[in-house]
Every structure is written in C-alpha cells, then in structure tokens.
Protein backbone atom coordinates (compact mmCIF):
# COMPACT_ATOMS: atom_id res chain seq x y z
CA MET A 1 5.53 -103.39 2.06
CA LYS A 2 8.95 -102.64 3.04
CA SER A 3 10.04 -101.51 6.90
CA PRO A 4 10.94 -97.70 6.95
CA LEU A 5 14.50 -98.78 7.68
CA ALA A 6 15.20 -99.55 4.14
CA LEU A 7 12.83 -97.17 2.07
CA PHE A 8 15.97 -94.69 3.70
CA SER A 9 18.55 -96.94 3.40
CA GLU A 10 17.98 -98.70 0.43
CA HIS A 11 19.66 -96.89 -2.64
CA PRO A 12 22.20 -95.15 -0.76
CA ALA A 13 23.54 -98.85 -0.39
CA ALA A 14 22.75 -99.39 -4.34
CA VAL A 15 25.23 -97.07 -5.41
CA GLY A 16 27.87 -97.91 -2.42
CA GLU A 17 27.13 -95.20 0.15
CA SER A 18 25.51 -94.46 3.34
CA TYR A 19 22.82 -92.95 4.58
CA PHE A 20 24.65 -90.04 4.95
CA GLU A 21 26.93 -89.75 2.81
CA HIS A 22 23.74 -90.41 0.19
CA LEU A 23 22.11 -87.29 1.95
CA ALA A 24 25.48 -85.01 2.00
CA LYS A 25 26.07 -85.77 -2.34
CA ALA A 26 22.27 -85.47 -3.22
CA GLY A 27 22.01 -81.97 -1.30
CA GLY A 28 25.64 -81.40 -2.12
CA PHE A 29 24.19 -81.06 -5.98
CA GLY A 30 20.89 -79.92 -5.49
CA LEU A 31 22.76 -76.61 -4.32
CA ARG A 32 24.86 -76.91 -7.74
CA LEU A 33 21.36 -77.40 -10.12
CA ILE A 34 20.09 -74.47 -8.12
CA ALA A 35 22.93 -71.93 -8.24
CA GLY A 36 22.98 -72.30 -11.65
CA GLY A 37 19.51 -71.96 -12.09
CA LEU A 38 20.14 -69.15 -10.48
CA ALA A 39 22.92 -68.13 -12.70
CA CYS A 40 19.92 -69.17 -15.73
CA LEU A 41 17.78 -66.35 -14.54
CA VAL A 42 20.13 -64.12 -14.23
CA HIS A 43 21.64 -64.96 -17.66
CA ALA A 44 17.56 -64.20 -18.66
CA VAL A 45 17.48 -60.88 -17.62
CA PHE A 46 20.88 -59.57 -18.35
CA PRO A 47 22.41 -61.86 -21.16
CA PHE A 48 25.91 -60.49 -21.21
CA LEU A 49 25.99 -62.52 -17.56
CA CYS A 50 26.69 -65.91 -16.48
CA VAL A 51 27.27 -67.12 -19.99
CA ARG A 52 27.88 -70.39 -19.52
CA SER A 53 27.96 -70.69 -15.98
CA GLY A 54 23.72 -72.84 -16.28
CA SER A 55 25.62 -75.26 -19.43
CA ASP A 56 28.91 -75.59 -17.13
CA CYS A 57 26.46 -76.38 -14.24
CA VAL A 58 24.75 -78.66 -16.33
CA THR A 59 28.09 -80.64 -17.44
CA SER A 60 29.97 -80.99 -14.94
CA LEU A 61 27.49 -82.35 -13.24
CA HIS A 62 26.17 -85.03 -16.08
CA ASP A 63 29.74 -85.46 -15.93
CA GLU A 64 29.89 -86.30 -12.64
CA LEU A 65 26.74 -89.06 -12.10
CA SER A 66 28.19 -90.84 -15.42
CA SER A 67 31.50 -92.03 -13.52
CA ARG A 68 30.02 -92.65 -9.98
CA ARG A 69 27.88 -94.58 -12.43
CA ARG A 70 30.53 -96.66 -14.70
CA THR A 71 31.45 -96.82 -11.18
CA ALA A 72 28.91 -98.31 -8.91
CA GLU A 73 28.70 -100.73 -12.88
CA GLN A 74 31.72 -102.46 -12.57
CA SER A 75 32.17 -103.04 -8.26
CA LEU A 76 28.36 -104.58 -9.05
CA ILE A 77 30.03 -106.34 -12.46
CA SER A 78 32.93 -107.72 -9.89
CA LEU A 79 31.70 -108.20 -7.40
CA ARG A 80 29.36 -110.95 -9.40
CA ALA A 81 32.42 -112.36 -10.84
CA ILE A 82 34.37 -113.17 -7.20
CA GLY A 83 30.00 -114.35 -6.09
CA PRO A 84 28.76 -114.95 -2.59
CA ARG A 85 31.30 -116.29 0.05
C-alpha cells in the first residue's frame, strides 16, 4: 500500500510539478471547464449567445494538455537517454 504522502505527490511528480503547482494548474483547468459548461447551458437556452464559447474552451484546453503531455514525454525520453548518474 502506498504511503499517504505518495498518494498526493506521485502523479504531480510524474508530470513534473509539485503538489501545489499541480493544484493550481488542475484547479485552473477545472474552473475553465465549469465556465465552458456554463456557456453551453446559456447557449442551450439562448442559441444566439455563446455560440462558440464551449467549443473554444474545449479546443483550448485540449491544445494545452496535448502540449504539456508532449513536453513531459520529451523530458522523460531525455532523462532515460542520460541514464542514472
């Protein structure tokens, strides 16, 4: 069984962040998703409002996550190439 500390630090470390960096980044993503969802709900009732807000939000978040994932993968590849010191 993992230690309680590992439960909070393992994933952030795997993506190159501290716990608090990950908290801020994931929290920001969550707030942006909520805002995009609210825009979709407004658009559902008033189809002439927020016509692209939801899809723009999803596209922006996808692009950002994809970029971060590529950067993290490249960092892992570089670390493996260097090997243990």
